[in-house]
Amino acid sequence: MDLVAVGIGMNVCNPLPTDPSLAGRTATLCEVLPDVTVHDVLEAILSGLSDVWAPLAAGDREVLQQDWTRLDVTRGRTVLWSREGRRGVAAGIDETGGLRILSTSGEVLIATVGEICFEDAAPADNGQ
């Protein structure tokens, strides 16, 4: 593997969208951690990424795929994919890191860009 691009989106203390359809479905980290800074969040993210860097650099995607599957709290949740304006049920993370969505028409979509809004409550526990 010569190059990897990782995109991580986190609402830290930014203004939230004003779109009424998103009301109640968006949040910022500073709502629950008022003193958090972007630097704090970046430090935590980079620290976590350092734990998986060795298998990633070695091209061992199986280890990472197993971790993603174990940590995936989206599976089975109803979602709206903003980029496509499509609804469906989250069906796991694929080998490229995209979110699999089983659309209401039965088509399997792979979301790699855009916002995913959950239309149901988060599960109480993901087995952690």
N, C-alpha and C. Protein backbone atom coordinates (compact mmCIF):
# COMPACT_ATOMS: atom_id res chain seq x y z
N MET A 1 0.85 -1.16 0.00
CA MET A 1 0.00 0.00 0.00
C MET A 1 0.91 1.23 0.00
N ASP A 2 0.72 2.11 -0.97
CA ASP A 2 1.56 3.29 -1.08
C ASP A 2 0.98 4.52 -0.40
N LEU A 3 -0.33 4.62 -0.38
CA LEU A 3 -0.96 5.84 0.11
C LEU A 3 -2.34 5.53 0.67
N VAL A 4 -2.65 6.16 1.78
CA VAL A 4 -3.96 5.99 2.39
C VAL A 4 -4.51 7.37 2.72
N ALA A 5 -5.75 7.60 2.40
CA ALA A 5 -6.42 8.83 2.79
C ALA A 5 -7.51 8.48 3.79
N VAL A 6 -7.52 9.18 4.92
CA VAL A 6 -8.51 8.93 5.96
C VAL A 6 -9.29 10.21 6.17
N GLY A 7 -10.60 10.12 6.12
CA GLY A 7 -11.44 11.28 6.39
C GLY A 7 -12.25 11.03 7.66
N ILE A 8 -12.16 11.96 8.58
CA ILE A 8 -12.89 11.83 9.84
C ILE A 8 -13.66 13.12 10.05
N GLY A 9 -14.95 13.01 10.23
CA GLY A 9 -15.77 14.19 10.48
C GLY A 9 -16.27 14.19 11.92
N MET A 10 -16.08 15.29 12.60
CA MET A 10 -16.50 15.38 14.01
C MET A 10 -17.01 16.79 14.25
N ASN A 11 -18.23 16.90 14.73
CA ASN A 11 -18.77 18.21 15.14
C ASN A 11 -18.23 18.50 16.53
N VAL A 12 -17.26 19.40 16.62
CA VAL A 12 -16.67 19.72 17.92
C VAL A 12 -17.43 20.89 18.53
N CYS A 13 -17.29 22.08 17.99
CA CYS A 13 -18.01 23.26 18.50
C CYS A 13 -18.50 24.14 17.35
N ASN A 14 -18.69 23.53 16.20
CA ASN A 14 -19.10 24.29 15.02
C ASN A 14 -20.61 24.55 15.04
N PRO A 15 -21.05 25.55 14.27
CA PRO A 15 -22.50 25.79 14.16
C PRO A 15 -23.17 24.59 13.49
N LEU A 16 -24.34 24.25 13.94
CA LEU A 16 -25.06 23.12 13.37
C LEU A 16 -25.88 23.57 12.16
N PRO A 17 -26.21 22.64 11.26
CA PRO A 17 -27.02 23.00 10.10
C PRO A 17 -28.39 23.52 10.53
N THR A 18 -28.93 24.43 9.75
CA THR A 18 -30.24 25.01 10.08
C THR A 18 -31.39 24.28 9.38
N ASP A 19 -31.08 23.27 8.59
CA ASP A 19 -32.09 22.51 7.87
C ASP A 19 -33.07 21.88 8.87
N PRO A 20 -34.36 22.22 8.80
CA PRO A 20 -35.35 21.68 9.76
C PRO A 20 -35.42 20.16 9.77
N SER A 21 -35.12 19.52 8.64
CA SER A 21 -35.20 18.06 8.60
C SER A 21 -34.10 17.41 9.43
N LEU A 22 -33.07 18.18 9.78
CA LEU A 22 -31.98 17.65 10.60
C LEU A 22 -32.13 18.03 12.07
N ALA A 23 -33.12 18.83 12.39
CA ALA A 23 -33.32 19.28 13.78
C ALA A 23 -33.45 18.08 14.71
N GLY A 24 -32.71 18.12 15.79
CA GLY A 24 -32.75 17.04 16.77
C GLY A 24 -31.89 15.85 16.42
N ARG A 25 -31.27 15.86 15.24
CA ARG A 25 -30.44 14.73 14.82
C ARG A 25 -28.96 15.09 14.76
N THR A 26 -28.63 16.32 15.07
CA THR A 26 -27.24 16.74 15.03
C THR A 26 -26.82 17.22 16.41
N ALA A 27 -25.55 17.13 16.66
CA ALA A 27 -25.02 17.54 17.95
C ALA A 27 -23.56 17.92 17.80
N THR A 28 -23.05 18.62 18.77
CA THR A 28 -21.62 18.92 18.82
C THR A 28 -21.05 18.34 20.10
N LEU A 29 -19.79 18.01 20.06
CA LEU A 29 -19.12 17.44 21.22
C LEU A 29 -19.12 18.42 22.39
N CYS A 30 -19.00 19.72 22.10
CA CYS A 30 -18.94 20.70 23.19
C CYS A 30 -20.28 20.83 23.93
N GLU A 31 -21.35 20.25 23.40
CA GLU A 31 -22.62 20.23 24.14
C GLU A 31 -22.52 19.34 25.37
N VAL A 32 -21.71 18.29 25.28
CA VAL A 32 -21.55 17.38 26.42
C VAL A 32 -20.22 17.56 27.14
N LEU A 33 -19.24 18.12 26.44
CA LEU A 33 -17.93 18.43 27.01
C LEU A 33 -17.61 19.89 26.72
N PRO A 34 -18.15 20.81 27.52
CA PRO A 34 -18.05 22.24 27.21
C PRO A 34 -16.63 22.79 27.05
N ASP A 35 -15.66 22.17 27.70
CA ASP A 35 -14.29 22.68 27.63
C ASP A 35 -13.44 22.02 26.56
N VAL A 36 -14.03 21.13 25.76
CA VAL A 36 -13.26 20.43 24.74
C VAL A 36 -12.82 21.39 23.64
N THR A 37 -11.64 21.15 23.10
CA THR A 37 -11.12 21.95 21.99
C THR A 37 -10.87 21.05 20.79
N VAL A 38 -10.74 21.65 19.63
CA VAL A 38 -10.40 20.89 18.43
C VAL A 38 -9.07 20.18 18.64
N HIS A 39 -8.13 20.84 19.30
CA HIS A 39 -6.82 20.24 19.58
C HIS A 39 -6.98 18.97 20.43
N ASP A 40 -7.83 19.01 21.45
CA ASP A 40 -8.09 17.83 22.30
C ASP A 40 -8.60 16.66 21.46
N VAL A 41 -9.55 16.97 20.59
CA VAL A 41 -10.17 15.94 19.76
C VAL A 41 -9.14 15.37 18.78
N LEU A 42 -8.37 16.24 18.15
CA LEU A 42 -7.34 15.79 17.21
C LEU A 42 -6.32 14.90 17.91
N GLU A 43 -5.91 15.29 19.09
CA GLU A 43 -4.95 14.49 19.86
C GLU A 43 -5.51 13.09 20.15
N ALA A 44 -6.77 13.03 20.56
CA ALA A 44 -7.40 11.74 20.86
C ALA A 44 -7.52 10.88 19.60
N ILE A 45 -7.90 11.49 18.49
CA ILE A 45 -8.04 10.75 17.24
C ILE A 45 -6.69 10.21 16.78
N LEU A 46 -5.67 11.06 16.80
CA LEU A 46 -4.34 10.62 16.36
C LEU A 46 -3.78 9.53 17.26
N SER A 47 -4.05 9.62 18.55
CA SER A 47 -3.62 8.59 19.49
C SER A 47 -4.28 7.25 19.14
N GLY A 48 -5.56 7.30 18.86
CA GLY A 48 -6.27 6.08 18.48
C GLY A 48 -5.79 5.51 17.15
N LEU A 49 -5.48 6.41 16.21
CA LEU A 49 -4.98 5.94 14.91
C LEU A 49 -3.61 5.29 15.04
N SER A 50 -2.81 5.74 16.00
CA SER A 50 -1.48 5.16 16.16
C SER A 50 -1.57 3.69 16.53
N ASP A 51 -2.66 3.29 17.20
CA ASP A 51 -2.85 1.90 17.60
C ASP A 51 -3.07 0.98 16.40
N VAL A 52 -3.60 1.50 15.31
CA VAL A 52 -3.88 0.67 14.15
C VAL A 52 -2.92 0.91 13.00
N TRP A 53 -1.96 1.79 13.20
CA TRP A 53 -1.06 2.15 12.10
C TRP A 53 -0.24 0.96 11.62
N ALA A 54 0.31 0.14 12.54
CA ALA A 54 1.18 -0.98 12.13
C ALA A 54 0.44 -1.96 11.21
N PRO A 55 -0.76 -2.45 11.58
CA PRO A 55 -1.44 -3.36 10.64
C PRO A 55 -1.81 -2.67 9.33
N LEU A 56 -2.18 -1.40 9.41
CA LEU A 56 -2.54 -0.65 8.20
C LEU A 56 -1.33 -0.53 7.28
N ALA A 57 -0.19 -0.13 7.84
CA ALA A 57 1.03 0.02 7.04
C ALA A 57 1.49 -1.32 6.46
N ALA A 58 1.21 -2.41 7.18
CA ALA A 58 1.59 -3.74 6.71
C ALA A 58 0.59 -4.29 5.68
N GLY A 59 -0.49 -3.55 5.45
CA GLY A 59 -1.49 -4.00 4.49
C GLY A 59 -2.43 -5.06 5.03
N ASP A 60 -2.48 -5.22 6.35
CA ASP A 60 -3.34 -6.22 6.99
C ASP A 60 -4.73 -5.63 7.21
N ARG A 61 -5.52 -5.62 6.16
CA ARG A 61 -6.86 -5.05 6.24
C ARG A 61 -7.82 -5.94 7.00
N GLU A 62 -7.52 -7.22 7.10
CA GLU A 62 -8.42 -8.15 7.80
C GLU A 62 -8.56 -7.77 9.27
N VAL A 63 -7.44 -7.42 9.92
CA VAL A 63 -7.49 -7.01 11.33
C VAL A 63 -8.36 -5.77 11.48
N LEU A 64 -8.17 -4.81 10.59
CA LEU A 64 -8.95 -3.57 10.66
C LEU A 64 -10.43 -3.84 10.36
N GLN A 65 -10.71 -4.71 9.39
CA GLN A 65 -12.09 -5.04 9.06
C GLN A 65 -12.79 -5.70 10.25
N GLN A 66 -12.09 -6.58 10.94
CA GLN A 66 -12.66 -7.23 12.12
C GLN A 66 -12.97 -6.20 13.20
N ASP A 67 -12.05 -5.26 13.41
CA ASP A 67 -12.28 -4.21 14.41
C ASP A 67 -13.47 -3.34 14.02
N TRP A 68 -13.55 -2.94 12.74
CA TRP A 68 -14.68 -2.12 12.29
C TRP A 68 -15.99 -2.85 12.52
N THR A 69 -16.02 -4.14 12.19
CA THR A 69 -17.24 -4.93 12.36
C THR A 69 -17.63 -5.01 13.83
N ARG A 70 -16.65 -5.23 14.68
CA ARG A 70 -16.91 -5.35 16.13
C ARG A 70 -17.42 -4.04 16.71
N LEU A 71 -16.89 -2.92 16.22
CA LEU A 71 -17.23 -1.60 16.77
C LEU A 71 -18.42 -0.93 16.08
N ASP A 72 -18.90 -1.52 15.01
CA ASP A 72 -19.95 -0.90 14.20
C ASP A 72 -21.27 -0.81 14.97
N VAL A 73 -21.68 0.40 15.29
CA VAL A 73 -22.96 0.62 15.98
C VAL A 73 -24.04 1.10 15.02
N THR A 74 -23.72 1.10 13.73
CA THR A 74 -24.70 1.56 12.74
C THR A 74 -25.56 0.43 12.21
N ARG A 75 -25.05 -0.80 12.24
CA ARG A 75 -25.75 -1.94 11.63
C ARG A 75 -27.18 -2.06 12.16
N GLY A 76 -28.13 -2.14 11.23
CA GLY A 76 -29.54 -2.30 11.58
C GLY A 76 -30.28 -1.01 11.83
N ARG A 77 -29.55 0.12 11.83
CA ARG A 77 -30.22 1.41 12.09
C ARG A 77 -30.73 2.01 10.78
N THR A 78 -31.86 2.69 10.87
CA THR A 78 -32.44 3.37 9.72
C THR A 78 -31.67 4.67 9.49
N VAL A 79 -31.25 4.89 8.23
CA VAL A 79 -30.43 6.05 7.91
C VAL A 79 -30.97 6.80 6.71
N LEU A 80 -30.59 8.07 6.65
CA LEU A 80 -30.82 8.91 5.48
C LEU A 80 -29.45 9.34 4.99
N TRP A 81 -29.14 9.05 3.73
CA TRP A 81 -27.87 9.44 3.13
C TRP A 81 -28.11 10.74 2.38
N SER A 82 -27.56 11.84 2.90
CA SER A 82 -27.86 13.17 2.36
C SER A 82 -27.41 13.33 0.92
N ARG A 83 -26.28 12.77 0.56
CA ARG A 83 -25.75 12.96 -0.80
C ARG A 83 -26.69 12.40 -1.86
N GLU A 84 -27.27 11.28 -1.57
CA GLU A 84 -28.16 10.62 -2.53
C GLU A 84 -29.63 10.87 -2.23
N GLY A 85 -29.92 11.41 -1.03
CA GLY A 85 -31.31 11.60 -0.64
C GLY A 85 -32.06 10.29 -0.51
N ARG A 86 -31.33 9.23 -0.14
CA ARG A 86 -31.92 7.90 -0.08
C ARG A 86 -31.98 7.41 1.36
N ARG A 87 -33.00 6.62 1.66
CA ARG A 87 -33.16 6.02 2.98
C ARG A 87 -32.92 4.53 2.88
N GLY A 88 -32.56 3.97 4.03
CA GLY A 88 -32.38 2.53 4.08
C GLY A 88 -31.94 2.11 5.46
N VAL A 89 -31.40 0.90 5.53
CA VAL A 89 -30.92 0.35 6.79
C VAL A 89 -29.43 0.09 6.66
N ALA A 90 -28.66 0.59 7.63
CA ALA A 90 -27.22 0.37 7.63
C ALA A 90 -26.94 -1.12 7.72
N ALA A 91 -26.05 -1.60 6.85
CA ALA A 91 -25.77 -3.03 6.76
C ALA A 91 -24.29 -3.34 6.92
N GLY A 92 -23.60 -2.51 7.70
CA GLY A 92 -22.18 -2.78 7.97
C GLY A 92 -21.24 -1.90 7.18
N ILE A 93 -19.98 -2.09 7.46
CA ILE A 93 -18.90 -1.34 6.82
C ILE A 93 -18.23 -2.27 5.83
N ASP A 94 -18.04 -1.80 4.59
CA ASP A 94 -17.40 -2.67 3.59
C ASP A 94 -15.88 -2.60 3.70
N GLU A 95 -15.19 -3.35 2.85
CA GLU A 95 -13.73 -3.44 2.92
C GLU A 95 -13.02 -2.15 2.57
N THR A 96 -13.72 -1.19 1.98
CA THR A 96 -13.11 0.10 1.66
C THR A 96 -13.40 1.15 2.73
N GLY A 97 -14.22 0.78 3.73
CA GLY A 97 -14.60 1.72 4.78
C GLY A 97 -15.92 2.41 4.51
N GLY A 98 -16.58 2.09 3.39
CA GLY A 98 -17.87 2.68 3.07
C GLY A 98 -18.98 2.02 3.88
N LEU A 99 -20.02 2.80 4.15
CA LEU A 99 -21.18 2.27 4.87
C LEU A 99 -22.12 1.60 3.87
N ARG A 100 -22.38 0.33 4.09
CA ARG A 100 -23.36 -0.39 3.26
C ARG A 100 -24.75 0.01 3.74
N ILE A 101 -25.60 0.36 2.79
CA ILE A 101 -26.98 0.72 3.11
C ILE A 101 -27.89 -0.12 2.23
N LEU A 102 -28.80 -0.86 2.88
CA LEU A 102 -29.81 -1.60 2.13
C LEU A 102 -30.97 -0.63 1.94
N SER A 103 -31.13 -0.15 0.70
CA SER A 103 -32.15 0.87 0.42
C SER A 103 -33.55 0.29 0.53
N THR A 104 -34.52 1.17 0.62
CA THR A 104 -35.92 0.74 0.72
C THR A 104 -36.35 -0.03 -0.53
N SER A 105 -35.63 0.16 -1.65
CA SER A 105 -35.95 -0.58 -2.88
C SER A 105 -35.21 -1.91 -2.95
N GLY A 106 -34.37 -2.20 -1.95
CA GLY A 106 -33.63 -3.46 -1.92
C GLY A 106 -32.24 -3.39 -2.51
N GLU A 107 -31.88 -2.24 -3.04
CA GLU A 107 -30.55 -2.04 -3.62
C GLU A 107 -29.52 -1.83 -2.50
N VAL A 108 -28.31 -2.38 -2.66
CA VAL A 108 -27.24 -2.15 -1.70
C VAL A 108 -26.44 -0.95 -2.19
N LEU A 109 -26.43 0.10 -1.37
CA LEU A 109 -25.69 1.32 -1.68
C LEU A 109 -24.43 1.34 -0.81
N ILE A 110 -23.38 1.99 -1.31
CA ILE A 110 -22.15 2.16 -0.53
C ILE A 110 -21.93 3.66 -0.35
N ALA A 111 -22.06 4.13 0.88
CA ALA A 111 -21.88 5.56 1.18
C ALA A 111 -20.43 5.80 1.59
N THR A 112 -19.73 6.59 0.77
CA THR A 112 -18.35 6.93 1.09
C THR A 112 -18.17 8.42 1.32
N VAL A 113 -19.14 9.21 0.89
CA VAL A 113 -19.11 10.66 1.11
C VAL A 113 -20.51 11.14 1.43
N GLY A 114 -20.60 12.30 2.06
CA GLY A 114 -21.89 12.87 2.41
C GLY A 114 -22.22 12.61 3.86
N GLU A 115 -23.32 13.16 4.31
CA GLU A 115 -23.76 13.00 5.69
C GLU A 115 -24.72 11.82 5.80
N ILE A 116 -24.55 11.07 6.88
CA ILE A 116 -25.48 10.00 7.22
C ILE A 116 -26.23 10.44 8.46
N CYS A 117 -27.54 10.53 8.36
CA CYS A 117 -28.36 10.90 9.51
C CYS A 117 -29.13 9.66 9.95
N PHE A 118 -29.05 9.38 11.25
CA PHE A 118 -29.78 8.25 11.80
C PHE A 118 -31.21 8.68 12.08
N GLU A 119 -32.15 7.88 11.66
CA GLU A 119 -33.56 8.22 11.84
C GLU A 119 -34.19 7.43 12.97
N ASP A 120 -33.37 6.77 13.76
CA ASP A 120 -33.87 6.02 14.90
C ASP A 120 -32.91 6.23 16.07
N ALA A 121 -33.29 5.75 17.21
CA ALA A 121 -32.46 5.91 18.41
C ALA A 121 -31.26 4.97 18.34
N ALA A 122 -30.15 5.42 18.94
CA ALA A 122 -28.97 4.59 19.01
C ALA A 122 -29.23 3.38 19.89
N PRO A 123 -28.59 2.26 19.56
CA PRO A 123 -28.75 1.10 20.43
C PRO A 123 -28.17 1.38 21.80
N ALA A 124 -28.71 0.75 22.83
CA ALA A 124 -28.26 0.98 24.20
C ALA A 124 -26.84 0.51 24.43
N ASP A 125 -26.40 -0.54 23.74
CA ASP A 125 -25.08 -1.11 23.97
C ASP A 125 -24.65 -1.81 22.69
N ASN A 126 -23.40 -1.64 22.30
CA ASN A 126 -22.91 -2.31 21.09
C ASN A 126 -22.01 -3.49 21.43
N GLY A 127 -22.13 -4.00 22.66
CA GLY A 127 -21.35 -5.18 23.04
C GLY A 127 -19.97 -4.87 23.55
N GLN A 128 -19.68 -3.63 23.80
CA GLN A 128 -18.35 -3.24 24.27
C GLN A 128 -18.21 -3.49 25.75
